[in-house]
Amino acid sequence: MMDIPLRLLRWAVHVTGGGLLVIAVLTVLREDGGAQAAGGVLLGLLYAAGAPVERWWPGARPGWLGLVTAGWAVLAVAGAPFVWLAFPLLFAYLDVLPLWGAMFGVGALTSAAILMAAWHAGELTLPLVVGPGVAAVVVVLLALACRALHAEIQERRPEEKARPQPLKP
């Protein structure tokens, strides 16, 4: 029962990432950025490939994350709307990497997003620093809470199996 919120959160992250991607693709299409839009679609397909990679080749997940990050970096340089796709990637870092690697990755990705946003805007402003910084802190805290909840679920499962089950009529 406790794993339902975790599933909902995972789907919310995927839907948010998909929504940001659709907005970015539509924005660059409106600006005659067909190549950027195609790149965005390819990035979406690569991101969606994460679930099968997780299921069939769990050891390949860091490589998948590296490819998605590289795709994001290319698109973030090419078009400002793609910069904000960094935030669903923060959750992926926290899901795929060990905690020390995830913290390093979150810091690097957040810094890159700030720099790319400032580069596209032509200046570094306080909102361009504070917004992504606060978002990264919230993502990390939320992911750590989810890890703790997941660990508690794993601890309780053996207890539930050991309890006698009521007879069904």
C-alpha atoms as a PDB file:
ATOM      1  CA  MET A   1       0.000   0.000   0.000  1.00  0.00           C
ATOM      2  CA  MET A   2       2.843   2.403   0.797  1.00  0.00           C
ATOM      3  CA  ASP A   3       4.388   1.905  -2.636  1.00  0.00           C
ATOM      4  CA  ILE A   4       1.423   3.610  -4.328  1.00  0.00           C
ATOM      5  CA  PRO A   5       2.716   7.136  -3.548  1.00  0.00           C
ATOM      6  CA  LEU A   6       6.113   6.161  -4.944  1.00  0.00           C
ATOM      7  CA  ARG A   7       4.539   4.917  -8.164  1.00  0.00           C
ATOM      8  CA  LEU A   8       2.444   8.070  -8.438  1.00  0.00           C
ATOM      9  CA  LEU A   9       5.506  10.243  -7.913  1.00  0.00           C
ATOM     10  CA  ARG A  10       7.436   8.312 -10.569  1.00  0.00           C
ATOM     11  CA  TRP A  11       4.585   8.789 -13.047  1.00  0.00           C
ATOM     12  CA  ALA A  12       4.291  12.475 -12.111  1.00  0.00           C
ATOM     13  CA  VAL A  13       7.993  12.956 -12.892  1.00  0.00           C
ATOM     14  CA  HIS A  14       7.610  11.185 -16.253  1.00  0.00           C
ATOM     15  CA  VAL A  15       4.483  13.170 -17.166  1.00  0.00           C
ATOM     16  CA  THR A  16       6.185  16.433 -16.151  1.00  0.00           C
ATOM     17  CA  GLY A  17       9.238  15.560 -18.236  1.00  0.00           C
ATOM     18  CA  GLY A  18       7.026  14.630 -21.174  1.00  0.00           C
ATOM     19  CA  GLY A  19       5.056  17.848 -20.840  1.00  0.00           C
ATOM     20  CA  LEU A  20       8.222  19.954 -20.734  1.00  0.00           C
ATOM     21  CA  LEU A  21       9.524  18.095 -23.777  1.00  0.00           C
ATOM     22  CA  VAL A  22       6.306  18.656 -25.746  1.00  0.00           C
ATOM     23  CA  ILE A  23       6.367  22.363 -24.869  1.00  0.00           C
ATOM     24  CA  ALA A  24      10.025  22.626 -25.928  1.00  0.00           C
ATOM     25  CA  VAL A  25       9.445  20.778 -29.219  1.00  0.00           C
ATOM     26  CA  LEU A  26       6.378  22.864 -30.068  1.00  0.00           C
ATOM     27  CA  THR A  27       8.219  26.068 -29.199  1.00  0.00           C
ATOM     28  CA  VAL A  28      11.184  25.320 -31.457  1.00  0.00           C
ATOM     29  CA  LEU A  29       8.866  24.123 -34.238  1.00  0.00           C
ATOM     30  CA  ARG A  30       7.072  27.460 -34.094  1.00  0.00           C
ATOM     31  CA  GLU A  31      10.467  29.135 -34.494  1.00  0.00           C
ATOM     32  CA  ASP A  32      11.349  26.951 -37.535  1.00  0.00           C
ATOM     33  CA  GLY A  33      13.672  24.718 -35.532  1.00  0.00           C
ATOM     34  CA  GLY A  34      12.888  21.446 -37.273  1.00  0.00           C
ATOM     35  CA  ALA A  35      16.263  19.882 -36.472  1.00  0.00           C
ATOM     36  CA  GLN A  36      15.942  20.862 -32.806  1.00  0.00           C
ATOM     37  CA  ALA A  37      12.412  19.437 -32.694  1.00  0.00           C
ATOM     38  CA  ALA A  38      13.652  16.170 -34.215  1.00  0.00           C
ATOM     39  CA  GLY A  39      16.409  16.096 -31.605  1.00  0.00           C
ATOM     40  CA  GLY A  40      13.801  16.624 -28.909  1.00  0.00           C
ATOM     41  CA  VAL A  41      11.755  13.708 -30.200  1.00  0.00           C
ATOM     42  CA  LEU A  42      14.892  11.528 -30.240  1.00  0.00           C
ATOM     43  CA  LEU A  43      15.679  12.593 -26.686  1.00  0.00           C
ATOM     44  CA  GLY A  44      12.150  11.648 -25.640  1.00  0.00           C
ATOM     45  CA  LEU A  45      12.537   8.214 -27.212  1.00  0.00           C
ATOM     46  CA  LEU A  46      15.893   7.724 -25.518  1.00  0.00           C
ATOM     47  CA  TYR A  47      14.395   8.765 -22.176  1.00  0.00           C
ATOM     48  CA  ALA A  48      11.481   6.367 -22.680  1.00  0.00           C
ATOM     49  CA  ALA A  49      13.986   3.580 -23.352  1.00  0.00           C
ATOM     50  CA  GLY A  50      15.037   3.890 -19.710  1.00  0.00           C
ATOM     51  CA  ALA A  51      12.269   1.575 -18.492  1.00  0.00           C
ATOM     52  CA  PRO A  52      13.271  -1.350 -20.733  1.00  0.00           C
ATOM     53  CA  VAL A  53      16.938  -0.735 -19.927  1.00  0.00           C
ATOM     54  CA  GLU A  54      16.087  -0.890 -16.228  1.00  0.00           C
ATOM     55  CA  ARG A  55      14.178  -4.130 -16.686  1.00  0.00           C
ATOM     56  CA  TRP A  56      16.497  -6.008 -19.065  1.00  0.00           C
ATOM     57  CA  TRP A  57      19.984  -4.562 -18.436  1.00  0.00           C
ATOM     58  CA  PRO A  58      20.099  -2.959 -14.966  1.00  0.00           C
ATOM     59  CA  GLY A  59      23.879  -2.501 -15.199  1.00  0.00           C
ATOM     60  CA  ALA A  60      23.438  -0.339 -18.309  1.00  0.00           C
ATOM     61  CA  ARG A  61      21.427   2.352 -16.522  1.00  0.00           C
ATOM     62  CA  PRO A  62      24.408   4.683 -15.882  1.00  0.00           C
ATOM     63  CA  GLY A  63      25.299   4.488 -19.582  1.00  0.00           C
ATOM     64  CA  TRP A  64      21.689   5.277 -20.498  1.00  0.00           C
ATOM     65  CA  LEU A  65      21.767   8.256 -18.117  1.00  0.00           C
ATOM     66  CA  GLY A  66      24.999   9.468 -19.719  1.00  0.00           C
ATOM     67  CA  LEU A  67      23.420   9.319 -23.188  1.00  0.00           C
ATOM     68  CA  VAL A  68      20.298  11.154 -22.033  1.00  0.00           C
ATOM     69  CA  THR A  69      22.451  13.808 -20.344  1.00  0.00           C
ATOM     70  CA  ALA A  70      24.559  14.261 -23.478  1.00  0.00           C
ATOM     71  CA  GLY A  71      21.395  14.592 -25.580  1.00  0.00           C
ATOM     72  CA  TRP A  72      20.011  17.133 -23.139  1.00  0.00           C
ATOM     73  CA  ALA A  73      23.275  19.124 -23.207  1.00  0.00           C
ATOM     74  CA  VAL A  74      23.270  19.332 -27.017  1.00  0.00           C
ATOM     75  CA  LEU A  75      19.629  20.440 -27.071  1.00  0.00           C
ATOM     76  CA  ALA A  76      20.104  22.892 -24.187  1.00  0.00           C
ATOM     77  CA  VAL A  77      22.856  24.606 -26.160  1.00  0.00           C
ATOM     78  CA  ALA A  78      20.743  24.578 -29.334  1.00  0.00           C
ATOM     79  CA  GLY A  79      17.543  25.953 -27.854  1.00  0.00           C
ATOM     80  CA  ALA A  80      16.486  27.662 -24.638  1.00  0.00           C
ATOM     81  CA  PRO A  81      13.232  25.676 -24.239  1.00  0.00           C
ATOM     82  CA  PHE A  82      15.241  22.482 -23.732  1.00  0.00           C
ATOM     83  CA  VAL A  83      17.167  23.854 -20.744  1.00  0.00           C
ATOM     84  CA  TRP A  84      14.313  23.120 -18.350  1.00  0.00           C
ATOM     85  CA  LEU A  85      14.343  19.401 -19.189  1.00  0.00           C
ATOM     86  CA  ALA A  86      17.207  19.221 -16.697  1.00  0.00           C
ATOM     87  CA  PHE A  87      14.767  18.969 -13.819  1.00  0.00           C
ATOM     88  CA  PRO A  88      13.239  15.582 -14.639  1.00  0.00           C
ATOM     89  CA  LEU A  89      16.827  14.442 -15.231  1.00  0.00           C
ATOM     90  CA  LEU A  90      17.658  15.359 -11.630  1.00  0.00           C
ATOM     91  CA  PHE A  91      15.273  12.633 -10.480  1.00  0.00           C
ATOM     92  CA  ALA A  92      16.933  10.185 -12.867  1.00  0.00           C
ATOM     93  CA  TYR A  93      20.337  10.989 -11.367  1.00  0.00           C
ATOM     94  CA  LEU A  94      18.988  10.312  -7.896  1.00  0.00           C
ATOM     95  CA  ASP A  95      17.354   7.088  -9.048  1.00  0.00           C
ATOM     96  CA  VAL A  96      20.205   5.629 -11.098  1.00  0.00           C
ATOM     97  CA  LEU A  97      23.397   6.680  -9.331  1.00  0.00           C
ATOM     98  CA  PRO A  98      24.696   6.006  -5.832  1.00  0.00           C
ATOM     99  CA  LEU A  99      24.038   8.910  -3.502  1.00  0.00           C
ATOM    100  CA  TRP A 100      27.522  10.463  -3.771  1.00  0.00           C
ATOM    101  CA  GLY A 101      27.400  10.320  -7.587  1.00  0.00           C
ATOM    102  CA  ALA A 102      23.854  11.604  -7.656  1.00  0.00           C
ATOM    103  CA  MET A 103      24.764  14.633  -5.520  1.00  0.00           C
ATOM    104  CA  PHE A 104      27.684  15.432  -7.796  1.00  0.00           C
ATOM    105  CA  GLY A 105      25.470  14.972 -10.877  1.00  0.00           C
ATOM    106  CA  VAL A 106      22.687  17.136  -9.460  1.00  0.00           C
ATOM    107  CA  GLY A 107      25.144  19.923  -8.714  1.00  0.00           C
ATOM    108  CA  ALA A 108      26.731  19.720 -12.156  1.00  0.00           C
ATOM    109  CA  LEU A 109      23.417  19.488 -13.995  1.00  0.00           C
ATOM    110  CA  THR A 110      21.896  22.370 -12.031  1.00  0.00           C
ATOM    111  CA  SER A 111      24.969  24.508 -12.698  1.00  0.00           C
ATOM    112  CA  ALA A 112      24.838  23.657 -16.400  1.00  0.00           C
ATOM    113  CA  ALA A 113      21.131  24.528 -16.540  1.00  0.00           C
ATOM    114  CA  ILE A 114      21.791  27.891 -14.870  1.00  0.00           C
ATOM    115  CA  LEU A 115      24.652  28.677 -17.245  1.00  0.00           C
ATOM    116  CA  MET A 116      22.679  27.634 -20.343  1.00  0.00           C
ATOM    117  CA  ALA A 117      19.630  29.652 -19.271  1.00  0.00           C
ATOM    118  CA  ALA A 118      21.839  32.700 -18.624  1.00  0.00           C
ATOM    119  CA  TRP A 119      23.619  32.228 -21.957  1.00  0.00           C
ATOM    120  CA  HIS A 120      20.325  32.100 -23.847  1.00  0.00           C
ATOM    121  CA  ALA A 121      18.978  35.082 -21.884  1.00  0.00           C
ATOM    122  CA  GLY A 122      22.140  37.090 -22.484  1.00  0.00           C
ATOM    123  CA  GLU A 123      22.710  37.730 -18.787  1.00  0.00           C
ATOM    124  CA  LEU A 124      22.857  36.002 -15.426  1.00  0.00           C
ATOM    125  CA  THR A 125      19.996  37.153 -13.225  1.00  0.00           C
ATOM    126  CA  LEU A 126      19.028  36.276  -9.676  1.00  0.00           C
ATOM    127  CA  PRO A 127      15.890  34.334 -10.741  1.00  0.00           C
ATOM    128  CA  LEU A 128      17.972  32.232 -13.150  1.00  0.00           C
ATOM    129  CA  VAL A 129      20.172  31.197 -10.224  1.00  0.00           C
ATOM    130  CA  VAL A 130      17.642  30.943  -7.408  1.00  0.00           C
ATOM    131  CA  GLY A 131      14.908  29.131  -9.358  1.00  0.00           C
ATOM    132  CA  PRO A 132      16.984  26.141 -10.508  1.00  0.00           C
ATOM    133  CA  GLY A 133      18.888  26.080  -7.211  1.00  0.00           C
ATOM    134  CA  VAL A 134      15.735  25.855  -5.143  1.00  0.00           C
ATOM    135  CA  ALA A 135      14.256  23.308  -7.546  1.00  0.00           C
ATOM    136  CA  ALA A 136      17.366  21.125  -7.197  1.00  0.00           C
ATOM    137  CA  VAL A 137      17.190  21.263  -3.399  1.00  0.00           C
ATOM    138  CA  VAL A 138      13.494  20.306  -3.458  1.00  0.00           C
ATOM    139  CA  VAL A 139      14.167  17.439  -5.882  1.00  0.00           C
ATOM    140  CA  VAL A 140      16.980  16.097  -3.684  1.00  0.00           C
ATOM    141  CA  LEU A 141      14.886  16.293  -0.516  1.00  0.00           C
ATOM    142  CA  LEU A 142      11.933  14.638  -2.221  1.00  0.00           C
ATOM    143  CA  ALA A 143      14.126  11.880  -3.651  1.00  0.00           C
ATOM    144  CA  LEU A 144      15.733  11.236  -0.263  1.00  0.00           C
ATOM    145  CA  ALA A 145      12.293  11.008   1.333  1.00  0.00           C
ATOM    146  CA  CYS A 146      11.284   8.530  -1.377  1.00  0.00           C
ATOM    147  CA  ARG A 147      14.399   6.442  -0.728  1.00  0.00           C
ATOM    148  CA  ALA A 148      13.543   6.313   2.961  1.00  0.00           C
ATOM    149  CA  LEU A 149       9.948   5.350   2.204  1.00  0.00           C
ATOM    150  CA  HIS A 150      11.127   2.655  -0.223  1.00  0.00           C
ATOM    151  CA  ALA A 151      13.508   1.252   2.404  1.00  0.00           C
ATOM    152  CA  GLU A 152      10.665   1.143   4.931  1.00  0.00           C
ATOM    153  CA  ILE A 153       8.481  -0.695   2.424  1.00  0.00           C
ATOM    154  CA  GLN A 154      11.229  -3.257   1.850  1.00  0.00           C
ATOM    155  CA  GLU A 155      11.619  -3.758   5.609  1.00  0.00           C
ATOM    156  CA  ARG A 156       7.883  -4.330   6.123  1.00  0.00           C
ATOM    157  CA  ARG A 157       7.390  -6.800   3.274  1.00  0.00           C
ATOM    158  CA  PRO A 158       8.962  -9.784   5.090  1.00  0.00           C
ATOM    159  CA  GLU A 159       6.781  -9.017   8.138  1.00  0.00           C
ATOM    160  CA  GLU A 160       3.642  -9.020   6.011  1.00  0.00           C
ATOM    161  CA  LYS A 161       4.545 -12.365   4.432  1.00  0.00           C
ATOM    162  CA  ALA A 162       5.201 -13.913   7.839  1.00  0.00           C
ATOM    163  CA  ARG A 163       1.800 -12.906   9.226  1.00  0.00           C
ATOM    164  CA  PRO A 164      -0.888 -15.547   8.896  1.00  0.00           C
ATOM    165  CA  GLN A 165      -3.312 -14.637   6.124  1.00  0.00           C
ATOM    166  CA  PRO A 166      -7.045 -14.686   6.907  1.00  0.00           C
ATOM    167  CA  LEU A 167      -8.993 -17.507   5.339  1.00  0.00           C
ATOM    168  CA  LYS A 168     -11.033 -16.488   2.361  1.00  0.00           C
ATOM    169  CA  PRO A 169     -14.609 -17.820   2.220  1.00  0.00           C
END
